[in-house]
Protein backbone atom coordinates (compact mmCIF):
# COMPACT_ATOMS: atom_id res chain seq x y z
CA MET A 1 -12.04 -4.32 22.16
CA ALA A 2 -9.90 -7.14 20.90
CA LEU A 3 -6.50 -5.49 20.12
CA THR A 4 -4.02 -8.44 21.05
CA THR A 5 -0.31 -8.70 20.67
CA VAL A 6 0.55 -11.94 18.90
CA GLN A 7 3.89 -13.76 19.46
CA ASN A 8 3.88 -16.24 16.42
CA SER A 9 6.93 -18.25 15.82
CA SER A 10 5.45 -20.85 13.63
CA SER A 11 6.20 -20.70 9.90
CA GLY A 12 2.84 -20.26 8.34
CA GLU A 13 1.60 -17.97 5.63
CA HIS A 14 4.03 -15.06 5.38
CA ALA A 15 1.67 -12.16 6.23
CA ALA A 16 0.32 -14.21 9.21
CA SER A 17 3.63 -15.13 10.60
CA ASP A 18 4.77 -11.58 10.75
CA VAL A 19 1.78 -9.97 12.55
CA THR A 20 2.64 -8.57 15.72
CA THR A 21 -0.81 -7.01 16.69
CA LEU A 22 -4.25 -8.05 15.71
CA LEU A 23 -7.68 -6.21 15.72
CA GLY A 24 -9.75 -9.18 15.61
CA ARG A 25 -13.28 -10.02 14.05
CA GLY A 26 -16.11 -8.55 15.96
CA SER A 27 -13.93 -5.69 17.41
CA GLU A 28 -14.42 -2.06 16.56
CA PHE A 29 -11.90 0.86 16.97
CA GLU A 30 -12.35 4.62 16.42
CA GLY A 31 -9.42 7.10 16.58
CA LYS A 32 -5.71 7.35 15.58
CA LEU A 33 -3.83 4.15 15.33
CA SER A 34 0.03 4.40 15.20
CA PHE A 35 2.15 1.51 15.46
CA GLU A 36 5.60 -0.32 14.69
CA GLY A 37 5.78 -3.75 13.25
CA THR A 38 2.86 -5.35 11.30
CA VAL A 39 -0.79 -4.89 12.34
CA ARG A 40 -3.71 -7.05 10.98
CA ILE A 41 -7.16 -5.58 11.06
CA ASP A 42 -10.06 -8.10 10.79
CA GLY A 43 -12.67 -5.88 12.59
CA LYS A 44 -13.95 -2.45 12.09
CA LEU A 45 -11.69 0.82 12.23
CA SER A 46 -12.70 4.41 11.81
CA GLY A 47 -10.22 7.31 11.93
CA GLU A 48 -6.52 7.47 10.85
CA ILE A 49 -3.72 5.00 10.51
CA PHE A 50 0.04 6.02 10.68
CA THR A 51 3.14 3.74 10.36
CA ASP A 52 6.36 3.24 8.43
CA ASP A 53 5.64 -0.42 8.55
CA THR A 54 2.98 -2.81 7.34
CA LEU A 55 -0.83 -2.83 7.61
CA ILE A 56 -2.83 -5.87 6.66
CA ILE A 57 -6.58 -5.34 6.20
CA GLY A 58 -8.05 -8.79 6.26
CA GLU A 59 -11.05 -10.20 4.50
CA GLY A 60 -14.21 -9.07 6.16
CA ALA A 61 -12.49 -5.95 7.71
CA GLU A 62 -14.02 -2.57 7.27
CA VAL A 63 -11.83 0.44 7.36
CA ASN A 64 -13.04 4.01 7.10
CA ALA A 65 -9.68 5.89 7.43
CA GLU A 66 -7.01 8.00 6.07
CA ILE A 67 -4.11 5.54 5.74
CA ASN A 68 -0.55 6.67 5.80
CA VAL A 69 1.82 3.59 5.82
CA GLY A 70 5.04 1.96 4.67
CA ALA A 71 3.08 -0.96 2.84
CA VAL A 72 -0.39 -2.24 2.94
CA VAL A 73 -2.14 -5.47 1.89
CA ILE A 74 -5.89 -5.14 1.49
CA GLU A 75 -8.31 -8.05 1.45
CA GLY A 76 -11.15 -6.26 3.11
CA THR A 77 -13.04 -2.87 2.45
CA VAL A 78 -11.39 0.42 2.66
CA HIS A 79 -13.24 3.81 2.46
CA GLY A 80 -10.59 6.63 2.44
CA ASN A 81 -7.21 7.63 0.79
CA VAL A 82 -4.27 5.21 0.96
CA HIS A 83 -0.72 6.60 0.98
CA ALA A 84 2.07 3.97 1.11
CA LYS A 85 5.82 4.75 0.93
CA ARG A 86 6.67 1.39 -0.45
CA SER A 87 3.70 -0.65 -1.85
CA VAL A 88 -0.07 -1.25 -2.02
CA GLU A 89 -1.47 -4.82 -2.68
CA ILE A 90 -5.13 -5.42 -3.08
CA HIS A 91 -6.30 -9.10 -3.27
CA THR A 92 -9.72 -10.52 -3.87
CA PRO A 93 -12.25 -9.75 -2.40
CA GLY A 94 -10.86 -6.41 -1.52
CA ARG A 95 -12.49 -3.18 -2.23
CA VAL A 96 -10.96 0.35 -2.03
CA ILE A 97 -13.23 3.33 -2.41
CA GLY A 98 -10.68 6.32 -2.38
CA ASN A 99 -7.46 7.57 -3.96
CA ILE A 100 -4.03 5.60 -3.75
CA SER A 101 -0.60 7.15 -3.75
CA THR A 102 2.23 4.64 -3.85
CA PRO A 103 5.42 3.81 -6.01
CA SER A 104 4.43 0.17 -6.22
CA LEU A 105 0.88 -1.16 -6.83
CA PHE A 106 -0.70 -4.62 -7.32
CA ILE A 107 -4.30 -5.18 -8.05
CA GLU A 108 -5.58 -8.83 -8.33
CA LYS A 109 -8.38 -9.76 -10.79
CA GLY A 110 -11.74 -9.32 -9.24
CA VAL A 111 -10.90 -6.45 -6.84
CA ILE A 112 -13.02 -3.27 -6.91
CA PHE A 113 -11.25 0.02 -6.97
CA GLU A 114 -13.03 3.17 -7.29
CA GLY A 115 -10.74 6.32 -7.15
CA SER A 116 -7.54 7.67 -8.80
CA CYS A 117 -3.97 6.33 -8.35
CA GLN A 118 -0.78 8.34 -8.46
CA MET A 119 2.45 6.29 -8.78
CA ASP A 120 5.33 8.62 -7.95
CA GLN A 121 8.77 7.84 -6.51
CA THR A 122 11.30 10.53 -6.02
CA GLY A 123 14.12 8.38 -7.28
CA ALA A 124 12.21 7.59 -10.54
CA ALA A 125 11.52 11.15 -11.29
CA THR A 126 15.29 12.03 -10.88
CA SER A 127 16.61 9.06 -12.87
CA ALA A 128 14.09 9.71 -15.80
CA LYS A 129 15.94 13.02 -16.47
CA PRO A 130 19.39 11.65 -17.26
CA ARG A 131 17.66 8.82 -19.48
CA ALA A 132 15.76 11.54 -21.50
CA ALA A 133 19.08 13.58 -21.83
CA GLN A 134 20.88 10.51 -22.91
CA ALA A 135 18.11 9.49 -25.56
CA ALA A 136 18.35 13.16 -26.91
CA GLN A 137 22.13 13.02 -27.16
CA VAL A 138 21.91 9.64 -29.07
CA ALA A 139 19.26 11.14 -31.35
CA ARG A 140 21.57 14.02 -32.03
CA ALA A 141 24.52 11.94 -32.78
CA ALA A 142 22.49 9.85 -35.27
CA THR A 143 21.11 12.83 -36.99
CA GLU A 144 24.69 14.28 -37.23
CA SER A 145 26.21 11.07 -38.66
CA ALA A 146 23.30 10.75 -41.13
CA ALA A 147 23.68 14.31 -42.18
CA GLY A 148 27.60 14.28 -42.55
């Protein structure tokens, strides 16, 4: 299995320079993966993935898993549900077959996504109520001034 810790101090591509662990091409992993930092998968993984940090699924990677992460960048193939606390980015030639739940979603042209998406953020739901109440109050004031 090619699970390697990478110490990369060069200033290359943003995603590559922040990677602390790599599951390289040709490697296969089955089970539960839990980590801190940024992990890049370029091989095959089946199971479950848990982190509050960032997961990168590289081009050519095949992931069959339930994914619960802080943020994820997908360029490979994912079969399974994706739940991200911060963001999901899917770049060409990425494929996601499963449901996505995240407050922030980016899908590049040419990506294949088969599933449903729920974008919900606890702060957004709370802040929408005061805006709705304020809009109703403005409408009432306008109606009262027009009538009187």
